[in-house]
């Protein structure tokens, strides 16, 4: 499903690209700021290196940046990041919502390789550097005081890119960012040793929370964060998913998509509780007597550590079934009790 593209304020600029002679130079990643909660389609392009694009935008220096990074086969206009971005804007989250769009690189990699995986995973480092460069750009222009006020949220390959961006930001600034959220980090190729060290892990931010919904298919197998959540055991399947609910051309993709759907659900409406356990089997045996529960999703306490499990079905209270949420369709919204940045105090 594709949603209507935003109205973009284009600013002409000269983009200088450092060419790596050993690899094709990836097209520029584009960054879009969504500043208006009343008009969620309106956005402004922020161009690293072009201060005019930044200072003519509605970027609010008193709010921290929340950067959304999409996955393979997605772009600015697909359901992720669009629905997650809309939920953020309609909630009480006090942040600058920025979408990193690398869809053009995705398309060109596919055309070069003719392969479903393309060259994209091996270019994840280049994309991560671009995202890191956006953060440094904000710091250098006085609109971000500290990288520890940054939250990057990535889905699938975007989750791996988010982690890589966190690594580069720490290298550039000497400080880690506050948080990386990985929504079912991509597994294909990232399980291989040849790119070890260039994937999401707990060293990429002060707090790394990860959601697994499609392990052993499109999702990464194993823990990657300070806390890892495993809805319905973490996959490879999720309730309610059939071949008809897969994305065309991506068989078995429905459970993968559930990661961002579950997470987006927590932004506006539901309080989903998860239980600490060593395995899904252990959780299933003792769920009724669980003594270590935490809120799952955007409001997870940043001190949380370990593996957490919960069961969720299409008809459970609070779950929007992956089709859409009432608050995103114009009904009364249910905002958070507190803005996101208070979690970082």
C-alpha atoms as a PDB file:
ATOM      1  CA  UNK A   1       0.000   0.000   0.000  1.00  0.00           C
ATOM      2  CA  UNK A   2       1.386   3.418  -0.985  1.00  0.00           C
ATOM      3  CA  UNK A   3       0.207   6.667   0.502  1.00  0.00           C
ATOM      4  CA  UNK A   4       0.110  10.105  -1.038  1.00  0.00           C
ATOM      5  CA  UNK A   5       3.494  11.835  -1.205  1.00  0.00           C
ATOM      6  CA  UNK A   6       3.947  14.939   0.878  1.00  0.00           C
ATOM      7  CA  UNK A   7       4.202  18.427  -0.465  1.00  0.00           C
ATOM      8  CA  UNK A   8       7.923  19.111  -0.417  1.00  0.00           C
ATOM      9  CA  UNK A   9       9.654  22.461  -0.181  1.00  0.00           C
ATOM     10  CA  UNK A  10      12.491  22.042  -2.639  1.00  0.00           C
ATOM     11  CA  UNK A  11      15.671  24.007  -2.142  1.00  0.00           C
ATOM     12  CA  UNK A  12      18.282  24.091  -4.906  1.00  0.00           C
ATOM     13  CA  UNK A  13      21.756  23.167  -3.786  1.00  0.00           C
ATOM     14  CA  UNK A  14      25.012  21.714  -4.968  1.00  0.00           C
ATOM     15  CA  UNK A  15      25.646  18.335  -3.411  1.00  0.00           C
ATOM     16  CA  UNK A  16      29.263  17.309  -3.151  1.00  0.00           C
ATOM     17  CA  UNK A  17      29.773  13.562  -3.195  1.00  0.00           C
ATOM     18  CA  UNK A  18      32.935  11.835  -2.046  1.00  0.00           C
ATOM     19  CA  UNK A  19      33.513   9.101  -4.593  1.00  0.00           C
ATOM     20  CA  UNK A  20      34.741   5.707  -3.458  1.00  0.00           C
ATOM     21  CA  UNK A  21      36.519   4.278  -6.482  1.00  0.00           C
ATOM     22  CA  UNK A  22      36.143   0.692  -5.272  1.00  0.00           C
ATOM     23  CA  UNK A  23      32.340   0.817  -5.103  1.00  0.00           C
ATOM     24  CA  UNK A  24      29.538   2.509  -7.026  1.00  0.00           C
ATOM     25  CA  UNK A  25      28.649   5.787  -5.341  1.00  0.00           C
ATOM     26  CA  UNK A  26      25.154   5.416  -3.867  1.00  0.00           C
ATOM     27  CA  UNK A  27      22.613   8.106  -4.681  1.00  0.00           C
ATOM     28  CA  UNK A  28      22.077  10.671  -1.957  1.00  0.00           C
ATOM     29  CA  UNK A  29      19.772   9.731   0.894  1.00  0.00           C
ATOM     30  CA  UNK A  30      17.068  12.383   1.234  1.00  0.00           C
ATOM     31  CA  UNK A  31      15.725  13.708   4.524  1.00  0.00           C
ATOM     32  CA  UNK A  32      12.222  15.079   5.068  1.00  0.00           C
ATOM     33  CA  UNK A  33      11.035  16.983   8.119  1.00  0.00           C
ATOM     34  CA  UNK A  34       7.344  16.661   9.036  1.00  0.00           C
ATOM     35  CA  UNK A  35       6.645  19.625  11.341  1.00  0.00           C
ATOM     36  CA  UNK A  36       2.858  19.996  11.227  1.00  0.00           C
ATOM     37  CA  UNK A  37       0.575  17.788  13.318  1.00  0.00           C
ATOM     38  CA  UNK A  38      -2.484  19.302  11.613  1.00  0.00           C
ATOM     39  CA  UNK A  39      -1.202  18.580   8.117  1.00  0.00           C
ATOM     40  CA  UNK A  40       0.701  15.309   8.287  1.00  0.00           C
ATOM     41  CA  UNK A  41       1.420  15.298   4.533  1.00  0.00           C
ATOM     42  CA  UNK A  42       3.346  18.568   4.617  1.00  0.00           C
ATOM     43  CA  UNK A  43       7.096  18.191   4.758  1.00  0.00           C
ATOM     44  CA  UNK A  44      10.275  20.092   4.044  1.00  0.00           C
ATOM     45  CA  UNK A  45      13.476  18.630   2.661  1.00  0.00           C
ATOM     46  CA  UNK A  46      16.579  19.051   4.805  1.00  0.00           C
ATOM     47  CA  UNK A  47      19.759  18.858   2.735  1.00  0.00           C
ATOM     48  CA  UNK A  48      23.006  18.156   4.619  1.00  0.00           C
ATOM     49  CA  UNK A  49      25.520  20.820   3.649  1.00  0.00           C
ATOM     50  CA  UNK A  50      22.834  23.353   2.735  1.00  0.00           C
ATOM     51  CA  UNK A  51      22.181  25.585   5.734  1.00  0.00           C
ATOM     52  CA  UNK A  52      19.426  27.441   3.864  1.00  0.00           C
ATOM     53  CA  UNK A  53      17.314  24.290   3.697  1.00  0.00           C
ATOM     54  CA  UNK A  54      17.678  23.938   7.461  1.00  0.00           C
ATOM     55  CA  UNK A  55      17.079  27.509   8.606  1.00  0.00           C
ATOM     56  CA  UNK A  56      14.166  28.046   6.223  1.00  0.00           C
ATOM     57  CA  UNK A  57      12.444  24.948   7.612  1.00  0.00           C
ATOM     58  CA  UNK A  58      10.254  24.608  10.683  1.00  0.00           C
ATOM     59  CA  UNK A  59      12.823  22.541  12.554  1.00  0.00           C
ATOM     60  CA  UNK A  60      12.408  23.301  16.268  1.00  0.00           C
ATOM     61  CA  UNK A  61      15.733  23.446  18.117  1.00  0.00           C
ATOM     62  CA  UNK A  62      13.936  22.840  21.423  1.00  0.00           C
ATOM     63  CA  UNK A  63      12.716  19.436  20.274  1.00  0.00           C
ATOM     64  CA  UNK A  64      14.907  16.403  19.726  1.00  0.00           C
ATOM     65  CA  UNK A  65      15.106  14.591  16.362  1.00  0.00           C
ATOM     66  CA  UNK A  66      13.307  11.292  15.798  1.00  0.00           C
ATOM     67  CA  UNK A  67      14.600   9.774  12.561  1.00  0.00           C
ATOM     68  CA  UNK A  68      12.628   7.019  10.806  1.00  0.00           C
ATOM     69  CA  UNK A  69      14.554   4.736   8.438  1.00  0.00           C
ATOM     70  CA  UNK A  70      12.544   2.472   6.125  1.00  0.00           C
ATOM     71  CA  UNK A  71      13.477  -0.978   4.874  1.00  0.00           C
ATOM     72  CA  UNK A  72      14.142  -2.689   1.554  1.00  0.00           C
ATOM     73  CA  UNK A  73      11.406  -2.190  -1.043  1.00  0.00           C
ATOM     74  CA  UNK A  74      10.066   0.867   0.785  1.00  0.00           C
ATOM     75  CA  UNK A  75      10.405   4.622   0.425  1.00  0.00           C
ATOM     76  CA  UNK A  76       9.005   7.873   1.769  1.00  0.00           C
ATOM     77  CA  UNK A  77       5.434   7.087   0.698  1.00  0.00           C
ATOM     78  CA  UNK A  78       4.981   3.479   1.902  1.00  0.00           C
ATOM     79  CA  UNK A  79       2.956   2.492   4.976  1.00  0.00           C
ATOM     80  CA  UNK A  80       6.126   2.452   7.015  1.00  0.00           C
ATOM     81  CA  UNK A  81       7.299   5.126   7.613  1.00  0.00           C
ATOM     82  CA  UNK A  82       4.062   6.976   6.812  1.00  0.00           C
ATOM     83  CA  UNK A  83       1.697   5.504   9.432  1.00  0.00           C
ATOM     84  CA  UNK A  84       4.342   5.575  12.154  1.00  0.00           C
ATOM     85  CA  UNK A  85       5.156   9.180  11.304  1.00  0.00           C
ATOM     86  CA  UNK A  86       1.449  10.087  11.391  1.00  0.00           C
ATOM     87  CA  UNK A  87       1.043   8.431  14.791  1.00  0.00           C
ATOM     88  CA  UNK A  88       3.991  10.419  16.135  1.00  0.00           C
ATOM     89  CA  UNK A  89       2.524  13.676  14.859  1.00  0.00           C
ATOM     90  CA  UNK A  90      -0.914  12.951  16.322  1.00  0.00           C
ATOM     91  CA  UNK A  91       0.503  11.994  19.716  1.00  0.00           C
ATOM     92  CA  UNK A  92       2.014  14.211  22.387  1.00  0.00           C
ATOM     93  CA  UNK A  93       5.560  13.291  21.344  1.00  0.00           C
ATOM     94  CA  UNK A  94       7.697  16.413  21.433  1.00  0.00           C
ATOM     95  CA  UNK A  95      10.116  15.705  18.611  1.00  0.00           C
ATOM     96  CA  UNK A  96      11.222  16.743  15.149  1.00  0.00           C
ATOM     97  CA  UNK A  97       9.977  13.874  12.979  1.00  0.00           C
ATOM     98  CA  UNK A  98      12.423  13.216  10.124  1.00  0.00           C
ATOM     99  CA  UNK A  99      12.143  10.474   7.498  1.00  0.00           C
ATOM    100  CA  UNK A 100      15.314   9.247   5.804  1.00  0.00           C
ATOM    101  CA  UNK A 101      14.391   8.135   2.280  1.00  0.00           C
ATOM    102  CA  UNK A 102      16.909   5.900   0.519  1.00  0.00           C
ATOM    103  CA  UNK A 103      14.371   4.339  -1.861  1.00  0.00           C
ATOM    104  CA  UNK A 104      16.224   5.564  -4.955  1.00  0.00           C
ATOM    105  CA  UNK A 105      19.314   3.607  -3.953  1.00  0.00           C
ATOM    106  CA  UNK A 106      17.105   0.568  -3.390  1.00  0.00           C
ATOM    107  CA  UNK A 107      15.698   0.808  -6.929  1.00  0.00           C
ATOM    108  CA  UNK A 108      19.063   1.345  -8.611  1.00  0.00           C
ATOM    109  CA  UNK A 109      20.675  -1.532  -6.710  1.00  0.00           C
ATOM    110  CA  UNK A 110      17.903  -3.822  -7.920  1.00  0.00           C
ATOM    111  CA  UNK A 111      18.378  -2.704 -11.502  1.00  0.00           C
ATOM    112  CA  UNK A 112      22.126  -3.311 -11.360  1.00  0.00           C
ATOM    113  CA  UNK A 113      21.967  -6.739  -9.788  1.00  0.00           C
ATOM    114  CA  UNK A 114      18.625  -8.136 -10.887  1.00  0.00           C
ATOM    115  CA  UNK A 115      18.495  -9.757  -7.447  1.00  0.00           C
ATOM    116  CA  UNK A 116      15.806  -9.300  -4.787  1.00  0.00           C
ATOM    117  CA  UNK A 117      18.493  -8.451  -2.230  1.00  0.00           C
ATOM    118  CA  UNK A 118      20.364  -6.259  -4.704  1.00  0.00           C
ATOM    119  CA  UNK A 119      23.483  -4.503  -3.529  1.00  0.00           C
ATOM    120  CA  UNK A 120      21.626  -2.743  -0.740  1.00  0.00           C
ATOM    121  CA  UNK A 121      22.818  -4.681   2.325  1.00  0.00           C
ATOM    122  CA  UNK A 122      26.431  -4.090   1.348  1.00  0.00           C
ATOM    123  CA  UNK A 123      25.626  -0.373   0.925  1.00  0.00           C
ATOM    124  CA  UNK A 124      24.032  -0.187   4.380  1.00  0.00           C
ATOM    125  CA  UNK A 125      27.204   1.374   5.746  1.00  0.00           C
ATOM    126  CA  UNK A 126      27.052   4.178   3.172  1.00  0.00           C
ATOM    127  CA  UNK A 127      23.415   4.870   4.020  1.00  0.00           C
ATOM    128  CA  UNK A 128      24.209   4.791   7.737  1.00  0.00           C
ATOM    129  CA  UNK A 129      26.950   7.361   7.181  1.00  0.00           C
ATOM    130  CA  UNK A 130      24.457   9.645   5.457  1.00  0.00           C
ATOM    131  CA  UNK A 131      22.063   9.390   8.403  1.00  0.00           C
ATOM    132  CA  UNK A 132      24.936  10.106  10.788  1.00  0.00           C
ATOM    133  CA  UNK A 133      25.898  13.075   8.623  1.00  0.00           C
ATOM    134  CA  UNK A 134      22.402  14.505   9.054  1.00  0.00           C
ATOM    135  CA  UNK A 135      22.799  14.414  12.838  1.00  0.00           C
ATOM    136  CA  UNK A 136      26.251  16.037  12.675  1.00  0.00           C
ATOM    137  CA  UNK A 137      24.785  18.684  10.345  1.00  0.00           C
ATOM    138  CA  UNK A 138      22.199  19.582  12.999  1.00  0.00           C
ATOM    139  CA  UNK A 139      24.871  19.752  15.698  1.00  0.00           C
ATOM    140  CA  UNK A 140      27.212  21.916  13.615  1.00  0.00           C
ATOM    141  CA  UNK A 141      24.440  24.440  12.978  1.00  0.00           C
ATOM    142  CA  UNK A 142      23.438  24.763  16.616  1.00  0.00           C
ATOM    143  CA  UNK A 143      20.047  23.065  16.282  1.00  0.00           C
ATOM    144  CA  UNK A 144      21.016  20.008  18.289  1.00  0.00           C
ATOM    145  CA  UNK A 145      23.027  20.466  21.449  1.00  0.00           C
ATOM    146  CA  UNK A 146      24.042  16.880  21.956  1.00  0.00           C
ATOM    147  CA  UNK A 147      23.807  13.518  20.122  1.00  0.00           C
ATOM    148  CA  UNK A 148      22.381  12.013  23.292  1.00  0.00           C
ATOM    149  CA  UNK A 149      19.082  13.673  22.350  1.00  0.00           C
ATOM    150  CA  UNK A 150      18.635  11.577  19.188  1.00  0.00           C
ATOM    151  CA  UNK A 151      16.269   8.624  18.630  1.00  0.00           C
ATOM    152  CA  UNK A 152      16.566   6.587  15.406  1.00  0.00           C
ATOM    153  CA  UNK A 153      13.834   4.063  14.555  1.00  0.00           C
ATOM    154  CA  UNK A 154      14.458   1.613  11.730  1.00  0.00           C
ATOM    155  CA  UNK A 155      12.480  -1.224  10.187  1.00  0.00           C
ATOM    156  CA  UNK A 156      14.070  -4.326   8.605  1.00  0.00           C
ATOM    157  CA  UNK A 157      17.157  -3.217   6.687  1.00  0.00           C
ATOM    158  CA  UNK A 158      16.446   0.233   8.102  1.00  0.00           C
ATOM    159  CA  UNK A 159      17.004  -1.191  11.594  1.00  0.00           C
ATOM    160  CA  UNK A 160      20.481  -2.347  10.607  1.00  0.00           C
ATOM    161  CA  UNK A 161      21.135   1.050   9.025  1.00  0.00           C
ATOM    162  CA  UNK A 162      19.953   2.767  12.230  1.00  0.00           C
ATOM    163  CA  UNK A 163      22.514   0.819  14.229  1.00  0.00           C
ATOM    164  CA  UNK A 164      25.279   1.603  11.754  1.00  0.00           C
ATOM    165  CA  UNK A 165      24.320   5.287  11.894  1.00  0.00           C
ATOM    166  CA  UNK A 166      24.610   5.151  15.675  1.00  0.00           C
ATOM    167  CA  UNK A 167      28.119   3.717  15.354  1.00  0.00           C
ATOM    168  CA  UNK A 168      29.204   6.517  13.021  1.00  0.00           C
ATOM    169  CA  UNK A 169      27.656   9.253  15.151  1.00  0.00           C
ATOM    170  CA  UNK A 170      29.600   7.961  18.147  1.00  0.00           C
ATOM    171  CA  UNK A 171      32.775   7.951  16.042  1.00  0.00           C
ATOM    172  CA  UNK A 172      32.182  11.494  14.756  1.00  0.00           C
ATOM    173  CA  UNK A 173      31.112  13.111  18.033  1.00  0.00           C
ATOM    174  CA  UNK A 174      32.625  10.937  20.752  1.00  0.00           C
ATOM    175  CA  UNK A 175      29.181  10.318  22.242  1.00  0.00           C
ATOM    176  CA  UNK A 176      26.499   7.697  21.566  1.00  0.00           C
ATOM    177  CA  UNK A 177      22.981   8.724  20.659  1.00  0.00           C
ATOM    178  CA  UNK A 178      20.206   8.216  23.186  1.00  0.00           C
ATOM    179  CA  UNK A 179      18.250   5.421  21.543  1.00  0.00           C
ATOM    180  CA  UNK A 180      17.993   3.098  18.573  1.00  0.00           C
ATOM    181  CA  UNK A 181      14.802   1.094  18.043  1.00  0.00           C
ATOM    182  CA  UNK A 182      15.140  -1.877  15.705  1.00  0.00           C
ATOM    183  CA  UNK A 183      11.875  -3.170  14.240  1.00  0.00           C
ATOM    184  CA  UNK A 184      12.607  -6.756  13.151  1.00  0.00           C
ATOM    185  CA  UNK A 185      16.164  -6.079  11.938  1.00  0.00           C
ATOM    186  CA  UNK A 186      16.931  -7.671   8.576  1.00  0.00           C
ATOM    187  CA  UNK A 187      18.476 -11.125   8.715  1.00  0.00           C
ATOM    188  CA  UNK A 188      19.540 -12.034   5.148  1.00  0.00           C
ATOM    189  CA  UNK A 189      23.270 -11.355   4.676  1.00  0.00           C
ATOM    190  CA  UNK A 190      23.539  -9.800   8.151  1.00  0.00           C
ATOM    191  CA  UNK A 191      23.970 -13.234   9.733  1.00  0.00           C
ATOM    192  CA  UNK A 192      27.130 -13.673   7.636  1.00  0.00           C
ATOM    193  CA  UNK A 193      30.600 -12.992   8.954  1.00  0.00           C
ATOM    194  CA  UNK A 194      31.594 -10.843   5.982  1.00  0.00           C
ATOM    195  CA  UNK A 195      29.713  -7.828   7.355  1.00  0.00           C
ATOM    196  CA  UNK A 196      30.104  -8.581  11.052  1.00  0.00           C
ATOM    197  CA  UNK A 197      30.421  -5.321  12.980  1.00  0.00           C
ATOM    198  CA  UNK A 198      28.234  -3.503  10.464  1.00  0.00           C
ATOM    199  CA  UNK A 199      24.894  -4.350  11.979  1.00  0.00           C
ATOM    200  CA  UNK A 200      22.705  -3.341  14.890  1.00  0.00           C
ATOM    201  CA  UNK A 201      23.890  -4.206  18.385  1.00  0.00           C
ATOM    202  CA  UNK A 202      23.668  -2.878  21.943  1.00  0.00           C
ATOM    203  CA  UNK A 203      26.740  -0.645  21.590  1.00  0.00           C
ATOM    204  CA  UNK A 204      25.057   1.615  19.027  1.00  0.00           C
ATOM    205  CA  UNK A 205      23.247   3.841  21.560  1.00  0.00           C
ATOM    206  CA  UNK A 206      22.739   4.354  25.266  1.00  0.00           C
ATOM    207  CA  UNK A 207      19.579   2.294  24.841  1.00  0.00           C
ATOM    208  CA  UNK A 208      18.841  -0.179  22.058  1.00  0.00           C
ATOM    209  CA  UNK A 209      15.434  -1.874  22.005  1.00  0.00           C
ATOM    210  CA  UNK A 210      14.633  -4.498  19.391  1.00  0.00           C
ATOM    211  CA  UNK A 211      11.410  -6.203  18.275  1.00  0.00           C
ATOM    212  CA  UNK A 212      11.520  -9.614  16.570  1.00  0.00           C
ATOM    213  CA  UNK A 213       8.507 -10.849  14.594  1.00  0.00           C
ATOM    214  CA  UNK A 214       9.924 -12.810  11.654  1.00  0.00           C
ATOM    215  CA  UNK A 215      13.120 -14.525  12.794  1.00  0.00           C
ATOM    216  CA  UNK A 216      14.678 -17.007  10.362  1.00  0.00           C
ATOM    217  CA  UNK A 217      12.934 -15.541   7.326  1.00  0.00           C
ATOM    218  CA  UNK A 218      13.373 -11.820   6.752  1.00  0.00           C
ATOM    219  CA  UNK A 219      14.314 -11.097  10.365  1.00  0.00           C
ATOM    220  CA  UNK A 220      17.625 -11.458  12.190  1.00  0.00           C
ATOM    221  CA  UNK A 221      18.015 -14.470  14.491  1.00  0.00           C
ATOM    222  CA  UNK A 222      19.223 -13.664  17.993  1.00  0.00           C
ATOM    223  CA  UNK A 223      19.346 -10.777  20.446  1.00  0.00           C
ATOM    224  CA  UNK A 224      20.674  -7.449  19.213  1.00  0.00           C
ATOM    225  CA  UNK A 225      19.795  -4.899  21.888  1.00  0.00           C
ATOM    226  CA  UNK A 226      19.795  -4.101  25.574  1.00  0.00           C
ATOM    227  CA  UNK A 227      16.263  -5.449  25.480  1.00  0.00           C
ATOM    228  CA  UNK A 228      14.751  -7.721  22.842  1.00  0.00           C
ATOM    229  CA  UNK A 229      10.999  -8.273  22.539  1.00  0.00           C
ATOM    230  CA  UNK A 230       9.532 -11.423  21.009  1.00  0.00           C
ATOM    231  CA  UNK A 231       5.794 -11.036  20.236  1.00  0.00           C
ATOM    232  CA  UNK A 232       4.220 -14.485  19.906  1.00  0.00           C
ATOM    233  CA  UNK A 233       7.676 -16.008  20.241  1.00  0.00           C
ATOM    234  CA  UNK A 234       9.342 -13.778  17.667  1.00  0.00           C
ATOM    235  CA  UNK A 235       8.357 -15.632  14.512  1.00  0.00           C
ATOM    236  CA  UNK A 236       8.834 -16.731  11.862  1.00  0.00           C
ATOM    237  CA  UNK A 237       5.005 -16.516  11.858  1.00  0.00           C
ATOM    238  CA  UNK A 238       2.532 -14.100  13.426  1.00  0.00           C
ATOM    239  CA  UNK A 239      -1.217 -14.552  14.082  1.00  0.00           C
ATOM    240  CA  UNK A 240      -3.525 -13.405  11.328  1.00  0.00           C
ATOM    241  CA  UNK A 241      -0.912 -13.573   8.589  1.00  0.00           C
ATOM    242  CA  UNK A 242      -1.731 -15.483   5.420  1.00  0.00           C
ATOM    243  CA  UNK A 243      -0.295 -15.445   1.930  1.00  0.00           C
ATOM    244  CA  UNK A 244      -3.009 -12.951   0.973  1.00  0.00           C
ATOM    245  CA  UNK A 245      -1.724 -10.479   3.562  1.00  0.00           C
ATOM    246  CA  UNK A 246       1.850 -10.596   2.257  1.00  0.00           C
ATOM    247  CA  UNK A 247       3.249  -7.725   0.228  1.00  0.00           C
ATOM    248  CA  UNK A 248       3.147  -8.583  -3.478  1.00  0.00           C
ATOM    249  CA  UNK A 249       6.455 -10.091  -4.535  1.00  0.00           C
ATOM    250  CA  UNK A 250       7.565 -10.759  -0.958  1.00  0.00           C
ATOM    251  CA  UNK A 251       6.093 -14.093   0.182  1.00  0.00           C
ATOM    252  CA  UNK A 252       5.977 -14.457   3.953  1.00  0.00           C
ATOM    253  CA  UNK A 253       6.428 -10.723   4.522  1.00  0.00           C
ATOM    254  CA  UNK A 254       3.304 -10.187   6.652  1.00  0.00           C
ATOM    255  CA  UNK A 255       4.945 -11.324   9.929  1.00  0.00           C
ATOM    256  CA  UNK A 256       7.902  -9.055   9.168  1.00  0.00           C
ATOM    257  CA  UNK A 257       5.578  -6.051   8.830  1.00  0.00           C
ATOM    258  CA  UNK A 258       3.976  -6.830  12.181  1.00  0.00           C
ATOM    259  CA  UNK A 259       7.036  -5.365  13.953  1.00  0.00           C
ATOM    260  CA  UNK A 260       6.342  -1.781  12.941  1.00  0.00           C
ATOM    261  CA  UNK A 261       2.585  -2.323  13.314  1.00  0.00           C
ATOM    262  CA  UNK A 262       2.906  -3.489  16.934  1.00  0.00           C
ATOM    263  CA  UNK A 263       5.290  -0.629  17.707  1.00  0.00           C
ATOM    264  CA  UNK A 264       3.081   2.007  16.069  1.00  0.00           C
ATOM    265  CA  UNK A 265       0.136   0.735  18.078  1.00  0.00           C
ATOM    266  CA  UNK A 266       1.911   1.759  21.300  1.00  0.00           C
ATOM    267  CA  UNK A 267       2.424   5.353  20.182  1.00  0.00           C
ATOM    268  CA  UNK A 268      -1.229   6.356  20.396  1.00  0.00           C
ATOM    269  CA  UNK A 269      -3.434   3.763  21.977  1.00  0.00           C
ATOM    270  CA  UNK A 270      -2.374   0.621  23.697  1.00  0.00           C
ATOM    271  CA  UNK A 271      -0.404  -0.415  26.720  1.00  0.00           C
ATOM    272  CA  UNK A 272       1.087  -3.764  25.833  1.00  0.00           C
ATOM    273  CA  UNK A 273       2.849  -5.547  28.680  1.00  0.00           C
ATOM    274  CA  UNK A 274       5.709  -7.979  28.162  1.00  0.00           C
ATOM    275  CA  UNK A 275       7.183 -10.553  30.544  1.00  0.00           C
ATOM    276  CA  UNK A 276      10.859 -11.350  31.073  1.00  0.00           C
ATOM    277  CA  UNK A 277      11.837 -14.953  30.339  1.00  0.00           C
ATOM    278  CA  UNK A 278      14.689 -17.006  28.963  1.00  0.00           C
ATOM    279  CA  UNK A 279      12.552 -18.488  26.199  1.00  0.00           C
ATOM    280  CA  UNK A 280       9.054 -18.445  24.760  1.00  0.00           C
ATOM    281  CA  UNK A 281       8.452 -21.870  26.278  1.00  0.00           C
ATOM    282  CA  UNK A 282       9.370 -20.597  29.741  1.00  0.00           C
ATOM    283  CA  UNK A 283       7.137 -17.564  29.253  1.00  0.00           C
ATOM    284  CA  UNK A 284       4.222 -19.758  28.137  1.00  0.00           C
ATOM    285  CA  UNK A 285       4.527 -21.924  31.249  1.00  0.00           C
ATOM    286  CA  UNK A 286       4.670 -19.039  33.727  1.00  0.00           C
ATOM    287  CA  UNK A 287       2.898 -16.108  32.058  1.00  0.00           C
ATOM    288  CA  UNK A 288       0.086 -16.048  34.632  1.00  0.00           C
ATOM    289  CA  UNK A 289       2.576 -15.603  37.467  1.00  0.00           C
ATOM    290  CA  UNK A 290       4.991 -13.238  35.730  1.00  0.00           C
ATOM    291  CA  UNK A 291       6.701 -10.917  38.202  1.00  0.00           C
ATOM    292  CA  UNK A 292       8.917  -8.939  35.824  1.00  0.00           C
ATOM    293  CA  UNK A 293       6.705  -6.992  33.427  1.00  0.00           C
ATOM    294  CA  UNK A 294       7.483  -3.895  31.377  1.00  0.00           C
ATOM    295  CA  UNK A 295       5.614  -1.767  28.887  1.00  0.00           C
ATOM    296  CA  UNK A 296       6.463  -2.696  25.334  1.00  0.00           C
ATOM    297  CA  UNK A 297       6.984  -0.128  22.600  1.00  0.00           C
ATOM    298  CA  UNK A 298       7.850   3.537  22.601  1.00  0.00           C
ATOM    299  CA  UNK A 299       7.422   3.868  26.367  1.00  0.00           C
ATOM    300  CA  UNK A 300       9.673   0.980  27.398  1.00  0.00           C
ATOM    301  CA  UNK A 301      11.820   2.103  30.363  1.00  0.00           C
ATOM    302  CA  UNK A 302      15.394   2.646  29.108  1.00  0.00           C
ATOM    303  CA  UNK A 303      16.790   0.667  32.039  1.00  0.00           C
ATOM    304  CA  UNK A 304      15.133  -2.540  30.752  1.00  0.00           C
ATOM    305  CA  UNK A 305      17.491  -5.414  29.991  1.00  0.00           C
ATOM    306  CA  UNK A 306      17.080  -8.950  28.678  1.00  0.00           C
ATOM    307  CA  UNK A 307      14.496 -10.888  26.655  1.00  0.00           C
ATOM    308  CA  UNK A 308      10.770 -10.188  26.975  1.00  0.00           C
ATOM    309  CA  UNK A 309       7.810 -12.051  25.527  1.00  0.00           C
ATOM    310  CA  UNK A 310       4.114 -11.412  25.037  1.00  0.00           C
ATOM    311  CA  UNK A 311       1.225 -12.876  23.085  1.00  0.00           C
ATOM    312  CA  UNK A 312      -0.923 -10.662  20.927  1.00  0.00           C
ATOM    313  CA  UNK A 313      -3.703 -11.570  18.509  1.00  0.00           C
ATOM    314  CA  UNK A 314      -5.663  -9.684  15.893  1.00  0.00           C
ATOM    315  CA  UNK A 315      -8.687  -9.337  18.173  1.00  0.00           C
ATOM    316  CA  UNK A 316      -6.844  -8.406  21.345  1.00  0.00           C
ATOM    317  CA  UNK A 317      -7.763  -5.035  22.889  1.00  0.00           C
ATOM    318  CA  UNK A 318      -5.337  -2.408  21.717  1.00  0.00           C
ATOM    319  CA  UNK A 319      -4.193  -4.132  18.554  1.00  0.00           C
ATOM    320  CA  UNK A 320      -5.349  -2.485  15.345  1.00  0.00           C
ATOM    321  CA  UNK A 321      -4.973  -5.649  13.202  1.00  0.00           C
ATOM    322  CA  UNK A 322      -2.417  -4.055  10.925  1.00  0.00           C
ATOM    323  CA  UNK A 323      -5.064  -2.367   8.786  1.00  0.00           C
ATOM    324  CA  UNK A 324      -5.034   1.052  10.411  1.00  0.00           C
ATOM    325  CA  UNK A 325      -5.770   2.770  13.692  1.00  0.00           C
ATOM    326  CA  UNK A 326      -8.840   4.745  14.631  1.00  0.00           C
ATOM    327  CA  UNK A 327      -6.798   7.747  15.688  1.00  0.00           C
ATOM    328  CA  UNK A 328      -5.042   7.821  12.316  1.00  0.00           C
ATOM    329  CA  UNK A 329      -8.383   7.793  10.548  1.00  0.00           C
ATOM    330  CA  UNK A 330      -9.831  10.824  12.280  1.00  0.00           C
ATOM    331  CA  UNK A 331     -11.387   9.471  15.480  1.00  0.00           C
ATOM    332  CA  UNK A 332     -10.523  10.653  18.967  1.00  0.00           C
ATOM    333  CA  UNK A 333      -6.890  10.010  19.653  1.00  0.00           C
ATOM    334  CA  UNK A 334      -5.401   8.606  22.834  1.00  0.00           C
ATOM    335  CA  UNK A 335      -2.072  10.376  23.354  1.00  0.00           C
ATOM    336  CA  UNK A 336       0.680   9.366  25.697  1.00  0.00           C
ATOM    337  CA  UNK A 337       0.681  10.301  29.331  1.00  0.00           C
ATOM    338  CA  UNK A 338       3.951  12.146  28.812  1.00  0.00           C
ATOM    339  CA  UNK A 339       6.199  13.308  25.939  1.00  0.00           C
ATOM    340  CA  UNK A 340       8.915  11.010  24.663  1.00  0.00           C
ATOM    341  CA  UNK A 341      11.855  13.060  25.885  1.00  0.00           C
ATOM    342  CA  UNK A 342      10.792  12.602  29.534  1.00  0.00           C
ATOM    343  CA  UNK A 343      11.822   8.967  29.182  1.00  0.00           C
ATOM    344  CA  UNK A 344      15.395  10.116  28.780  1.00  0.00           C
ATOM    345  CA  UNK A 345      15.642  12.280  31.895  1.00  0.00           C
END
